[in-house]
Amino acid sequence: MTASLRTCLAVALACFLAPFQSSAAELQPASNSIDLVQSCDTGRDAPSCLKQAIRLYEGKTLPKDDVGARRFAAKACAEGKSEGCNFLAAMLEKGIGGPKDRASAVRNYRRACGTGYPAACYNLGQLFYYEAANMDEVAEARTLFALGCNGHVADSCNNHAVMLKFGEGGARDLTTARGIFDAACTAGSTDGCTNYGFMLMMGEAGPRDIARAAALLDAACTADAANACDNMGVMLMNGMNGPADFGRAGTLLRKACALGSHSGCFNLGQMLTEGPEHIRDPGAADAAHREACRLGHKQACTLTTTNPMQPGA
């Protein structure tokens, strides 16, 4: 299977809101909403504008108002608050509180990224990677993910490493990718742990370390990383970390499949077709292959079950 590259509306919104949610001093002022509006509109106080934008967007202490949130985010950005520019850009990108405007979203992400807000670098990288207008944007996504990584955005490190591993937006560099996946995992990226665990499992660009790979993949699977469940299931059914355990392998592959991993569905089908006689189940195998096909696994669509079970590439 391919390495995980996180998708992001929810992640993008988390990126621009998380710094405030983690700062009690900044998010819990004595000021009420009227004070914030006055400070923003009359005093041109950027933090007040941003706090009001977040309150309106969240809809917890005030009625939810995306149009108002977008207006106050624009004010925060205009007054020089990088987080406000990032907030505004995400709303422009997704059409929250008004029409979509890709050009304006890009401009505001760039402004926030260029003034030291690394989550904006990550978010613009996501936009350029998933909705690239041309190959120059793909190459820039790689640079933007590196900037976000340098700013300690763990998922940005993961995405930079994915692009290095597969040679997207520049030369392929497995050795550097492996090191960055390790760093991303250490910094808290579940996808980083999944991808680093896979490289340890396969011995890609460095020594194989099955025990450590198993620990990382097991923890990532517990956190609902589909590819981690798939890889851990493959490891168990092939006896890569001790005796084969088809019972637990089946549990993890079913979880991977349910989480949307086409490789997890395919590997489940293979195990139920070619595993030990007592676990074979043609009906369940066919269902797993059909689900894998539905999710985009081309080999599963041919219902070919003669190849040996192995992790996705």
C-alpha atoms as a PDB file:
ATOM      1  CA  MET A   1       0.000   0.000   0.000  1.00  0.00           C
ATOM      2  CA  THR A   2       1.092   3.554  -0.428  1.00  0.00           C
ATOM      3  CA  ALA A   3       2.316   5.562   2.513  1.00  0.00           C
ATOM      4  CA  SER A   4      -0.252   7.684   4.283  1.00  0.00           C
ATOM      5  CA  LEU A   5      -0.639  11.326   3.323  1.00  0.00           C
ATOM      6  CA  ARG A   6      -3.203  13.020   5.496  1.00  0.00           C
ATOM      7  CA  THR A   7      -6.199  14.700   3.949  1.00  0.00           C
ATOM      8  CA  CYS A   8      -7.391  17.906   5.440  1.00  0.00           C
ATOM      9  CA  LEU A   9     -10.451  19.972   5.895  1.00  0.00           C
ATOM     10  CA  ALA A  10     -10.727  18.849   9.479  1.00  0.00           C
ATOM     11  CA  VAL A  11      -6.945  18.798   9.815  1.00  0.00           C
ATOM     12  CA  ALA A  12      -6.602  22.224   8.262  1.00  0.00           C
ATOM     13  CA  LEU A  13      -9.155  23.659  10.667  1.00  0.00           C
ATOM     14  CA  ALA A  14      -7.417  21.921  13.555  1.00  0.00           C
ATOM     15  CA  CYS A  15      -4.133  23.412  12.422  1.00  0.00           C
ATOM     16  CA  PHE A  16      -5.370  26.970  12.605  1.00  0.00           C
ATOM     17  CA  LEU A  17      -7.447  26.573  15.756  1.00  0.00           C
ATOM     18  CA  ALA A  18      -5.278  24.284  17.859  1.00  0.00           C
ATOM     19  CA  PRO A  19      -2.734  26.920  18.947  1.00  0.00           C
ATOM     20  CA  PHE A  20      -5.523  28.964  20.484  1.00  0.00           C
ATOM     21  CA  GLN A  21      -7.307  26.029  22.056  1.00  0.00           C
ATOM     22  CA  SER A  22      -4.064  25.082  23.776  1.00  0.00           C
ATOM     23  CA  SER A  23      -3.486  28.569  25.167  1.00  0.00           C
ATOM     24  CA  ALA A  24      -5.776  29.188  28.112  1.00  0.00           C
ATOM     25  CA  ALA A  25      -4.321  32.623  28.712  1.00  0.00           C
ATOM     26  CA  GLU A  26      -5.226  33.795  25.215  1.00  0.00           C
ATOM     27  CA  LEU A  27      -8.566  32.041  24.798  1.00  0.00           C
ATOM     28  CA  GLN A  28     -10.135  32.859  28.147  1.00  0.00           C
ATOM     29  CA  PRO A  29      -9.996  36.644  28.457  1.00  0.00           C
ATOM     30  CA  ALA A  30     -12.133  38.599  30.852  1.00  0.00           C
ATOM     31  CA  SER A  31     -13.537  40.497  27.832  1.00  0.00           C
ATOM     32  CA  ASN A  32     -17.039  39.644  26.615  1.00  0.00           C
ATOM     33  CA  SER A  33     -18.063  39.515  22.968  1.00  0.00           C
ATOM     34  CA  ILE A  34     -19.026  43.179  22.860  1.00  0.00           C
ATOM     35  CA  ASP A  35     -15.603  44.143  24.201  1.00  0.00           C
ATOM     36  CA  LEU A  36     -13.903  42.007  21.550  1.00  0.00           C
ATOM     37  CA  VAL A  37     -15.932  43.547  18.746  1.00  0.00           C
ATOM     38  CA  GLN A  38     -15.187  47.054  19.999  1.00  0.00           C
ATOM     39  CA  SER A  39     -11.486  46.289  20.427  1.00  0.00           C
ATOM     40  CA  CYS A  40     -11.367  44.864  16.931  1.00  0.00           C
ATOM     41  CA  ASP A  41     -13.468  47.437  15.084  1.00  0.00           C
ATOM     42  CA  THR A  42     -12.433  50.557  16.975  1.00  0.00           C
ATOM     43  CA  GLY A  43      -9.090  49.649  18.485  1.00  0.00           C
ATOM     44  CA  ARG A  44      -7.935  47.568  15.493  1.00  0.00           C
ATOM     45  CA  ASP A  45      -6.646  44.973  17.934  1.00  0.00           C
ATOM     46  CA  ALA A  46      -5.750  41.902  15.874  1.00  0.00           C
ATOM     47  CA  PRO A  47      -5.918  39.344  18.732  1.00  0.00           C
ATOM     48  CA  SER A  48      -9.440  40.538  19.590  1.00  0.00           C
ATOM     49  CA  CYS A  49     -10.481  40.172  15.952  1.00  0.00           C
ATOM     50  CA  LEU A  50      -9.127  36.639  15.885  1.00  0.00           C
ATOM     51  CA  LYS A  51     -10.737  35.636  19.183  1.00  0.00           C
ATOM     52  CA  GLN A  52     -14.097  36.866  17.914  1.00  0.00           C
ATOM     53  CA  ALA A  53     -13.625  34.965  14.645  1.00  0.00           C
ATOM     54  CA  ILE A  54     -12.905  31.751  16.545  1.00  0.00           C
ATOM     55  CA  ARG A  55     -15.895  32.223  18.871  1.00  0.00           C
ATOM     56  CA  LEU A  56     -18.228  32.755  15.930  1.00  0.00           C
ATOM     57  CA  TYR A  57     -16.804  29.792  14.041  1.00  0.00           C
ATOM     58  CA  GLU A  58     -16.970  27.421  17.015  1.00  0.00           C
ATOM     59  CA  GLY A  59     -20.466  28.474  18.085  1.00  0.00           C
ATOM     60  CA  LYS A  60     -19.872  27.605  21.729  1.00  0.00           C
ATOM     61  CA  THR A  61     -20.214  30.897  23.590  1.00  0.00           C
ATOM     62  CA  LEU A  62     -21.970  32.697  20.713  1.00  0.00           C
ATOM     63  CA  PRO A  63     -24.392  31.527  18.005  1.00  0.00           C
ATOM     64  CA  LYS A  64     -22.406  29.969  15.178  1.00  0.00           C
ATOM     65  CA  ASP A  65     -21.880  32.511  12.389  1.00  0.00           C
ATOM     66  CA  ASP A  66     -19.479  31.494   9.612  1.00  0.00           C
ATOM     67  CA  VAL A  67     -20.043  34.706   7.680  1.00  0.00           C
ATOM     68  CA  GLY A  68     -19.122  36.749  10.727  1.00  0.00           C
ATOM     69  CA  ALA A  69     -16.179  34.479  11.516  1.00  0.00           C
ATOM     70  CA  ARG A  70     -14.796  35.029   8.025  1.00  0.00           C
ATOM     71  CA  ARG A  71     -15.225  38.806   8.349  1.00  0.00           C
ATOM     72  CA  PHE A  72     -13.380  38.937  11.686  1.00  0.00           C
ATOM     73  CA  ALA A  73     -10.654  36.601  10.400  1.00  0.00           C
ATOM     74  CA  ALA A  74     -10.131  39.033   7.520  1.00  0.00           C
ATOM     75  CA  LYS A  75      -9.844  41.886  10.015  1.00  0.00           C
ATOM     76  CA  ALA A  76      -7.298  39.948  12.089  1.00  0.00           C
ATOM     77  CA  CYS A  77      -5.271  39.250   8.960  1.00  0.00           C
ATOM     78  CA  ALA A  78      -5.437  42.879   7.821  1.00  0.00           C
ATOM     79  CA  GLU A  79      -4.091  43.947  11.207  1.00  0.00           C
ATOM     80  CA  GLY A  80      -1.102  41.633  10.865  1.00  0.00           C
ATOM     81  CA  LYS A  81      -2.142  38.470  12.746  1.00  0.00           C
ATOM     82  CA  SER A  82      -0.666  35.498  10.862  1.00  0.00           C
ATOM     83  CA  GLU A  83      -3.116  33.070  12.448  1.00  0.00           C
ATOM     84  CA  GLY A  84      -5.947  35.243  11.152  1.00  0.00           C
ATOM     85  CA  CYS A  85      -4.581  35.010   7.609  1.00  0.00           C
ATOM     86  CA  ASN A  86      -4.375  31.225   7.935  1.00  0.00           C
ATOM     87  CA  PHE A  87      -7.910  31.067   9.339  1.00  0.00           C
ATOM     88  CA  LEU A  88      -9.211  33.268   6.510  1.00  0.00           C
ATOM     89  CA  ALA A  89      -7.360  31.233   3.882  1.00  0.00           C
ATOM     90  CA  ALA A  90      -8.927  27.972   5.073  1.00  0.00           C
ATOM     91  CA  MET A  91     -12.395  29.515   4.918  1.00  0.00           C
ATOM     92  CA  LEU A  92     -11.713  30.861   1.437  1.00  0.00           C
ATOM     93  CA  GLU A  93     -10.347  27.503   0.304  1.00  0.00           C
ATOM     94  CA  LYS A  94     -13.378  25.537   1.521  1.00  0.00           C
ATOM     95  CA  GLY A  95     -16.078  28.115   0.914  1.00  0.00           C
ATOM     96  CA  ILE A  96     -16.959  28.535   4.587  1.00  0.00           C
ATOM     97  CA  GLY A  97     -18.839  31.761   5.318  1.00  0.00           C
ATOM     98  CA  GLY A  98     -18.785  32.793   1.668  1.00  0.00           C
ATOM     99  CA  PRO A  99     -17.782  31.628  -1.806  1.00  0.00           C
ATOM    100  CA  LYS A 100     -14.674  29.607  -2.514  1.00  0.00           C
ATOM    101  CA  ASP A 101     -11.757  31.702  -3.733  1.00  0.00           C
ATOM    102  CA  ARG A 102      -8.636  29.646  -4.420  1.00  0.00           C
ATOM    103  CA  ALA A 103      -6.465  32.581  -5.481  1.00  0.00           C
ATOM    104  CA  SER A 104      -7.264  34.515  -2.310  1.00  0.00           C
ATOM    105  CA  ALA A 105      -6.777  31.407  -0.196  1.00  0.00           C
ATOM    106  CA  VAL A 106      -3.323  30.871  -1.696  1.00  0.00           C
ATOM    107  CA  ARG A 107      -2.407  34.525  -1.171  1.00  0.00           C
ATOM    108  CA  ASN A 108      -3.423  34.438   2.504  1.00  0.00           C
ATOM    109  CA  TYR A 109      -1.764  31.084   3.183  1.00  0.00           C
ATOM    110  CA  ARG A 110       1.428  32.492   1.681  1.00  0.00           C
ATOM    111  CA  ARG A 111       1.196  35.578   3.856  1.00  0.00           C
ATOM    112  CA  ALA A 112       0.750  33.514   7.018  1.00  0.00           C
ATOM    113  CA  CYS A 113       3.462  31.032   6.055  1.00  0.00           C
ATOM    114  CA  GLY A 114       5.870  33.825   5.156  1.00  0.00           C
ATOM    115  CA  THR A 115       5.348  35.551   8.494  1.00  0.00           C
ATOM    116  CA  GLY A 116       6.232  32.523  10.566  1.00  0.00           C
ATOM    117  CA  TYR A 117       3.016  30.509  11.010  1.00  0.00           C
ATOM    118  CA  PRO A 118       4.061  26.959  10.010  1.00  0.00           C
ATOM    119  CA  ALA A 119       0.531  25.478  10.008  1.00  0.00           C
ATOM    120  CA  ALA A 120      -0.204  27.743   7.047  1.00  0.00           C
ATOM    121  CA  CYS A 121       2.769  26.296   5.174  1.00  0.00           C
ATOM    122  CA  TYR A 122       1.332  22.837   5.817  1.00  0.00           C
ATOM    123  CA  ASN A 123      -2.176  23.853   4.750  1.00  0.00           C
ATOM    124  CA  LEU A 124      -0.951  25.434   1.506  1.00  0.00           C
ATOM    125  CA  GLY A 125       1.119  22.320   0.873  1.00  0.00           C
ATOM    126  CA  GLN A 126      -2.053  20.243   1.278  1.00  0.00           C
ATOM    127  CA  LEU A 127      -3.892  22.428  -1.222  1.00  0.00           C
ATOM    128  CA  PHE A 128      -1.076  22.256  -3.771  1.00  0.00           C
ATOM    129  CA  TYR A 129      -0.592  18.514  -3.327  1.00  0.00           C
ATOM    130  CA  TYR A 130      -4.227  17.473  -3.616  1.00  0.00           C
ATOM    131  CA  GLU A 131      -5.461  20.164  -6.017  1.00  0.00           C
ATOM    132  CA  ALA A 132      -2.344  21.043  -7.969  1.00  0.00           C
ATOM    133  CA  ALA A 133      -2.934  23.358 -10.930  1.00  0.00           C
ATOM    134  CA  ASN A 134       0.415  22.295 -12.394  1.00  0.00           C
ATOM    135  CA  MET A 135       3.594  20.424 -11.537  1.00  0.00           C
ATOM    136  CA  ASP A 136       5.192  23.582 -10.143  1.00  0.00           C
ATOM    137  CA  GLU A 137       2.606  23.515  -7.365  1.00  0.00           C
ATOM    138  CA  VAL A 138       3.466  19.877  -6.617  1.00  0.00           C
ATOM    139  CA  ALA A 139       7.136  20.828  -6.302  1.00  0.00           C
ATOM    140  CA  GLU A 140       6.206  23.770  -4.085  1.00  0.00           C
ATOM    141  CA  ALA A 141       4.079  21.486  -1.891  1.00  0.00           C
ATOM    142  CA  ARG A 142       7.241  19.559  -1.065  1.00  0.00           C
ATOM    143  CA  THR A 143       8.999  22.778  -0.037  1.00  0.00           C
ATOM    144  CA  LEU A 144       5.980  23.920   1.978  1.00  0.00           C
ATOM    145  CA  PHE A 145       5.774  20.623   3.850  1.00  0.00           C
ATOM    146  CA  ALA A 146       9.460  20.996   4.707  1.00  0.00           C
ATOM    147  CA  LEU A 147       8.781  24.493   6.078  1.00  0.00           C
ATOM    148  CA  GLY A 148       5.883  23.198   8.159  1.00  0.00           C
ATOM    149  CA  CYS A 149       8.075  20.384   9.423  1.00  0.00           C
ATOM    150  CA  ASN A 150      10.774  22.850  10.416  1.00  0.00           C
ATOM    151  CA  GLY A 151       8.052  24.653  12.365  1.00  0.00           C
ATOM    152  CA  HIS A 152       7.257  21.455  14.315  1.00  0.00           C
ATOM    153  CA  VAL A 153       4.025  20.487  12.529  1.00  0.00           C
ATOM    154  CA  ALA A 154       4.322  16.708  12.814  1.00  0.00           C
ATOM    155  CA  ASP A 155       1.960  15.840   9.960  1.00  0.00           C
ATOM    156  CA  SER A 156       3.864  18.220   7.707  1.00  0.00           C
ATOM    157  CA  CYS A 157       6.982  16.166   8.427  1.00  0.00           C
ATOM    158  CA  ASN A 158       5.105  13.017   7.448  1.00  0.00           C
ATOM    159  CA  ASN A 159       3.915  14.533   4.184  1.00  0.00           C
ATOM    160  CA  HIS A 160       7.379  15.843   3.328  1.00  0.00           C
ATOM    161  CA  ALA A 161       8.764  12.360   3.893  1.00  0.00           C
ATOM    162  CA  VAL A 162       6.041  10.805   1.702  1.00  0.00           C
ATOM    163  CA  MET A 163       7.055  13.075  -1.171  1.00  0.00           C
ATOM    164  CA  LEU A 164      10.725  12.239  -0.643  1.00  0.00           C
ATOM    165  CA  LYS A 165      10.002   8.518  -0.534  1.00  0.00           C
ATOM    166  CA  PHE A 166       8.063   8.479  -3.784  1.00  0.00           C
ATOM    167  CA  GLY A 167      10.033  11.146  -5.619  1.00  0.00           C
ATOM    168  CA  GLU A 168       7.104  13.544  -5.839  1.00  0.00           C
ATOM    169  CA  GLY A 169       7.999  17.142  -6.570  1.00  0.00           C
ATOM    170  CA  GLY A 170      11.711  16.313  -6.706  1.00  0.00           C
ATOM    171  CA  ALA A 171      14.282  13.549  -6.468  1.00  0.00           C
ATOM    172  CA  ARG A 172      13.558  10.358  -4.549  1.00  0.00           C
ATOM    173  CA  ASP A 173      15.452  10.087  -1.263  1.00  0.00           C
ATOM    174  CA  LEU A 174      14.540   7.035   0.812  1.00  0.00           C
ATOM    175  CA  THR A 175      17.237   7.536   3.430  1.00  0.00           C
ATOM    176  CA  THR A 176      16.127  11.060   4.274  1.00  0.00           C
ATOM    177  CA  ALA A 177      12.474  10.006   4.132  1.00  0.00           C
ATOM    178  CA  ARG A 178      13.100   7.280   6.696  1.00  0.00           C
ATOM    179  CA  GLY A 179      14.711   9.739   9.097  1.00  0.00           C
ATOM    180  CA  ILE A 180      11.896  12.249   8.703  1.00  0.00           C
ATOM    181  CA  PHE A 181       9.225   9.582   9.227  1.00  0.00           C
ATOM    182  CA  ASP A 182      11.015   8.721  12.474  1.00  0.00           C
ATOM    183  CA  ALA A 183      10.980  12.373  13.511  1.00  0.00           C
ATOM    184  CA  ALA A 184       7.319  12.760  12.516  1.00  0.00           C
ATOM    185  CA  CYS A 185       6.408   9.711  14.590  1.00  0.00           C
ATOM    186  CA  THR A 186       8.333  10.983  17.604  1.00  0.00           C
ATOM    187  CA  ALA A 187       6.551  14.332  17.245  1.00  0.00           C
ATOM    188  CA  GLY A 188       3.145  12.657  17.389  1.00  0.00           C
ATOM    189  CA  SER A 189       2.085  11.931  13.789  1.00  0.00           C
ATOM    190  CA  THR A 190       0.194   8.635  13.651  1.00  0.00           C
ATOM    191  CA  ASP A 191       0.754   8.492   9.896  1.00  0.00           C
ATOM    192  CA  GLY A 192       4.451   9.098  10.502  1.00  0.00           C
ATOM    193  CA  CYS A 193       4.543   6.103  12.837  1.00  0.00           C
ATOM    194  CA  THR A 194       2.680   3.993  10.272  1.00  0.00           C
ATOM    195  CA  ASN A 195       5.079   4.909   7.503  1.00  0.00           C
ATOM    196  CA  TYR A 196       8.203   4.567   9.627  1.00  0.00           C
ATOM    197  CA  GLY A 197       6.941   1.210  10.895  1.00  0.00           C
ATOM    198  CA  PHE A 198       6.480   0.024   7.320  1.00  0.00           C
ATOM    199  CA  MET A 199      10.057   0.998   6.402  1.00  0.00           C
ATOM    200  CA  LEU A 200      11.374  -0.800   9.500  1.00  0.00           C
ATOM    201  CA  MET A 201       9.242  -3.828   8.664  1.00  0.00           C
ATOM    202  CA  MET A 202      10.542  -4.029   5.101  1.00  0.00           C
ATOM    203  CA  GLY A 203      14.107  -2.871   5.809  1.00  0.00           C
ATOM    204  CA  GLU A 204      13.774   0.056   3.424  1.00  0.00           C
ATOM    205  CA  ALA A 205      16.764   2.440   3.388  1.00  0.00           C
ATOM    206  CA  GLY A 206      18.141   0.986   6.607  1.00  0.00           C
ATOM    207  CA  PRO A 207      18.185  -2.037   8.889  1.00  0.00           C
ATOM    208  CA  ARG A 208      15.087  -4.127   9.364  1.00  0.00           C
ATOM    209  CA  ASP A 209      13.699  -3.940  12.907  1.00  0.00           C
ATOM    210  CA  ILE A 210      10.621  -6.122  13.176  1.00  0.00           C
ATOM    211  CA  ALA A 211      10.141  -5.691  16.907  1.00  0.00           C
ATOM    212  CA  ARG A 212      10.130  -1.916  16.726  1.00  0.00           C
ATOM    213  CA  ALA A 213       8.002  -1.973  13.578  1.00  0.00           C
ATOM    214  CA  ALA A 214       5.441  -4.140  15.370  1.00  0.00           C
ATOM    215  CA  ALA A 215       5.292  -1.772  18.331  1.00  0.00           C
ATOM    216  CA  LEU A 216       4.785   1.277  16.103  1.00  0.00           C
ATOM    217  CA  LEU A 217       2.227  -0.358  13.829  1.00  0.00           C
ATOM    218  CA  ASP A 218       0.253  -1.828  16.727  1.00  0.00           C
ATOM    219  CA  ALA A 219       0.005   1.577  18.430  1.00  0.00           C
ATOM    220  CA  ALA A 220      -0.932   3.315  15.170  1.00  0.00           C
ATOM    221  CA  CYS A 221      -3.593   0.691  14.457  1.00  0.00           C
ATOM    222  CA  THR A 222      -5.032   1.258  17.927  1.00  0.00           C
ATOM    223  CA  ALA A 223      -5.292   4.931  16.882  1.00  0.00           C
ATOM    224  CA  ASP A 224      -7.300   3.806  13.814  1.00  0.00           C
ATOM    225  CA  ALA A 225      -4.607   4.194  11.158  1.00  0.00           C
ATOM    226  CA  ALA A 226      -5.900   1.848   8.457  1.00  0.00           C
ATOM    227  CA  ASN A 227      -2.539   1.174   6.807  1.00  0.00           C
ATOM    228  CA  ALA A 228      -1.009   0.332  10.176  1.00  0.00           C
ATOM    229  CA  CYS A 229      -3.733  -2.248  10.821  1.00  0.00           C
ATOM    230  CA  ASP A 230      -3.127  -3.728   7.368  1.00  0.00           C
ATOM    231  CA  ASN A 231       0.640  -3.959   7.796  1.00  0.00           C
ATOM    232  CA  MET A 232       0.354  -5.350  11.303  1.00  0.00           C
ATOM    233  CA  GLY A 233      -2.125  -7.936  10.036  1.00  0.00           C
ATOM    234  CA  VAL A 234       0.275  -8.958   7.279  1.00  0.00           C
ATOM    235  CA  MET A 235       3.081  -9.230   9.811  1.00  0.00           C
ATOM    236  CA  LEU A 236       0.976 -11.505  12.027  1.00  0.00           C
ATOM    237  CA  MET A 237      -0.310 -13.791   9.310  1.00  0.00           C
ATOM    238  CA  ASN A 238       3.165 -14.223   7.858  1.00  0.00           C
ATOM    239  CA  GLY A 239       4.752 -14.918  11.258  1.00  0.00           C
ATOM    240  CA  MET A 240       7.215 -12.062  10.914  1.00  0.00           C
ATOM    241  CA  ASN A 241       7.334 -11.369  14.660  1.00  0.00           C
ATOM    242  CA  GLY A 242       6.853 -14.840  16.100  1.00  0.00           C
ATOM    243  CA  PRO A 243       4.418 -17.639  15.268  1.00  0.00           C
ATOM    244  CA  ALA A 244       1.701 -16.782  12.758  1.00  0.00           C
ATOM    245  CA  ASP A 245      -1.496 -15.592  14.432  1.00  0.00           C
ATOM    246  CA  PHE A 246      -4.300 -15.812  11.897  1.00  0.00           C
ATOM    247  CA  GLY A 247      -6.978 -14.956  14.426  1.00  0.00           C
ATOM    248  CA  ARG A 248      -5.532 -11.605  15.365  1.00  0.00           C
ATOM    249  CA  ALA A 249      -4.377 -11.003  11.783  1.00  0.00           C
ATOM    250  CA  GLY A 250      -7.970 -11.399  10.633  1.00  0.00           C
ATOM    251  CA  THR A 251      -9.184  -8.984  13.296  1.00  0.00           C
ATOM    252  CA  LEU A 252      -6.692  -6.324  12.222  1.00  0.00           C
ATOM    253  CA  LEU A 253      -7.262  -6.820   8.496  1.00  0.00           C
ATOM    254  CA  ARG A 254     -11.019  -6.530   9.001  1.00  0.00           C
ATOM    255  CA  LYS A 255     -10.431  -3.307  10.913  1.00  0.00           C
ATOM    256  CA  ALA A 256      -8.163  -2.004   8.127  1.00  0.00           C
ATOM    257  CA  CYS A 257     -10.810  -2.871   5.562  1.00  0.00           C
ATOM    258  CA  ALA A 258     -13.560  -1.204   7.593  1.00  0.00           C
ATOM    259  CA  LEU A 259     -11.377   1.916   7.868  1.00  0.00           C
ATOM    260  CA  GLY A 260     -11.117   2.087   4.081  1.00  0.00           C
ATOM    261  CA  SER A 261      -7.831   0.344   3.250  1.00  0.00           C
ATOM    262  CA  HIS A 262      -8.247  -1.428  -0.083  1.00  0.00           C
ATOM    263  CA  SER A 263      -5.041  -3.336   0.625  1.00  0.00           C
ATOM    264  CA  GLY A 264      -6.431  -4.441   3.985  1.00  0.00           C
ATOM    265  CA  CYS A 265      -9.536  -5.825   2.274  1.00  0.00           C
ATOM    266  CA  PHE A 266      -7.425  -7.532  -0.383  1.00  0.00           C
ATOM    267  CA  ASN A 267      -5.048  -9.110   2.130  1.00  0.00           C
ATOM    268  CA  LEU A 268      -8.020 -10.333   4.164  1.00  0.00           C
ATOM    269  CA  GLY A 269      -9.431 -11.962   1.065  1.00  0.00           C
ATOM    270  CA  GLN A 270      -6.073 -13.574   0.317  1.00  0.00           C
ATOM    271  CA  MET A 271      -5.764 -14.933   3.837  1.00  0.00           C
ATOM    272  CA  LEU A 272      -9.281 -16.395   3.729  1.00  0.00           C
ATOM    273  CA  THR A 273      -8.494 -17.986   0.358  1.00  0.00           C
ATOM    274  CA  GLU A 274      -4.933 -19.249   0.827  1.00  0.00           C
ATOM    275  CA  GLY A 275      -4.497 -19.484   4.579  1.00  0.00           C
ATOM    276  CA  PRO A 276      -4.707 -22.703   6.596  1.00  0.00           C
ATOM    277  CA  GLU A 277      -7.650 -24.910   5.754  1.00  0.00           C
ATOM    278  CA  HIS A 278      -9.474 -24.208   9.009  1.00  0.00           C
ATOM    279  CA  ILE A 279      -9.722 -20.443   8.352  1.00  0.00           C
ATOM    280  CA  ARG A 280     -10.617 -20.568   4.667  1.00  0.00           C
ATOM    281  CA  ASP A 281     -13.975 -19.036   3.835  1.00  0.00           C
ATOM    282  CA  PRO A 282     -14.684 -18.570   0.100  1.00  0.00           C
ATOM    283  CA  GLY A 283     -17.760 -16.448   0.692  1.00  0.00           C
ATOM    284  CA  ALA A 284     -16.050 -14.058   3.085  1.00  0.00           C
ATOM    285  CA  ALA A 285     -12.975 -13.975   0.841  1.00  0.00           C
ATOM    286  CA  ASP A 286     -15.105 -12.990  -2.133  1.00  0.00           C
ATOM    287  CA  ALA A 287     -16.783 -10.267  -0.100  1.00  0.00           C
ATOM    288  CA  ALA A 288     -13.403  -8.904   0.981  1.00  0.00           C
ATOM    289  CA  HIS A 289     -12.117  -8.890  -2.599  1.00  0.00           C
ATOM    290  CA  ARG A 290     -15.254  -7.164  -3.807  1.00  0.00           C
ATOM    291  CA  GLU A 291     -14.830  -4.455  -1.148  1.00  0.00           C
ATOM    292  CA  ALA A 292     -11.160  -4.087  -2.096  1.00  0.00           C
ATOM    293  CA  CYS A 293     -12.216  -3.670  -5.717  1.00  0.00           C
ATOM    294  CA  ARG A 294     -14.788  -1.077  -4.747  1.00  0.00           C
ATOM    295  CA  LEU A 295     -12.086   0.848  -2.898  1.00  0.00           C
ATOM    296  CA  GLY A 296      -9.816   0.817  -5.952  1.00  0.00           C
ATOM    297  CA  HIS A 297      -7.599  -2.285  -5.693  1.00  0.00           C
ATOM    298  CA  LYS A 298      -7.154  -3.323  -9.341  1.00  0.00           C
ATOM    299  CA  GLN A 299      -5.941  -6.862  -8.682  1.00  0.00           C
ATOM    300  CA  ALA A 300      -8.934  -7.524  -6.452  1.00  0.00           C
ATOM    301  CA  CYS A 301     -11.207  -6.507  -9.309  1.00  0.00           C
ATOM    302  CA  THR A 302      -9.922  -9.459 -11.320  1.00  0.00           C
ATOM    303  CA  LEU A 303     -10.650 -11.724  -8.322  1.00  0.00           C
ATOM    304  CA  THR A 304      -7.134 -13.097  -8.688  1.00  0.00           C
ATOM    305  CA  THR A 305      -6.209 -15.011  -5.527  1.00  0.00           C
ATOM    306  CA  THR A 306      -3.108 -16.874  -6.693  1.00  0.00           C
ATOM    307  CA  ASN A 307      -0.452 -14.365  -5.654  1.00  0.00           C
ATOM    308  CA  PRO A 308       1.254 -14.819  -2.248  1.00  0.00           C
ATOM    309  CA  MET A 309       0.029 -12.657   0.598  1.00  0.00           C
ATOM    310  CA  GLN A 310       2.253  -9.676   1.129  1.00  0.00           C
ATOM    311  CA  PRO A 311       2.011  -6.075   2.275  1.00  0.00           C
ATOM    312  CA  GLY A 312       1.034  -3.505  -0.294  1.00  0.00           C
ATOM    313  CA  ALA A 313       3.864  -1.692  -2.030  1.00  0.00           C
END
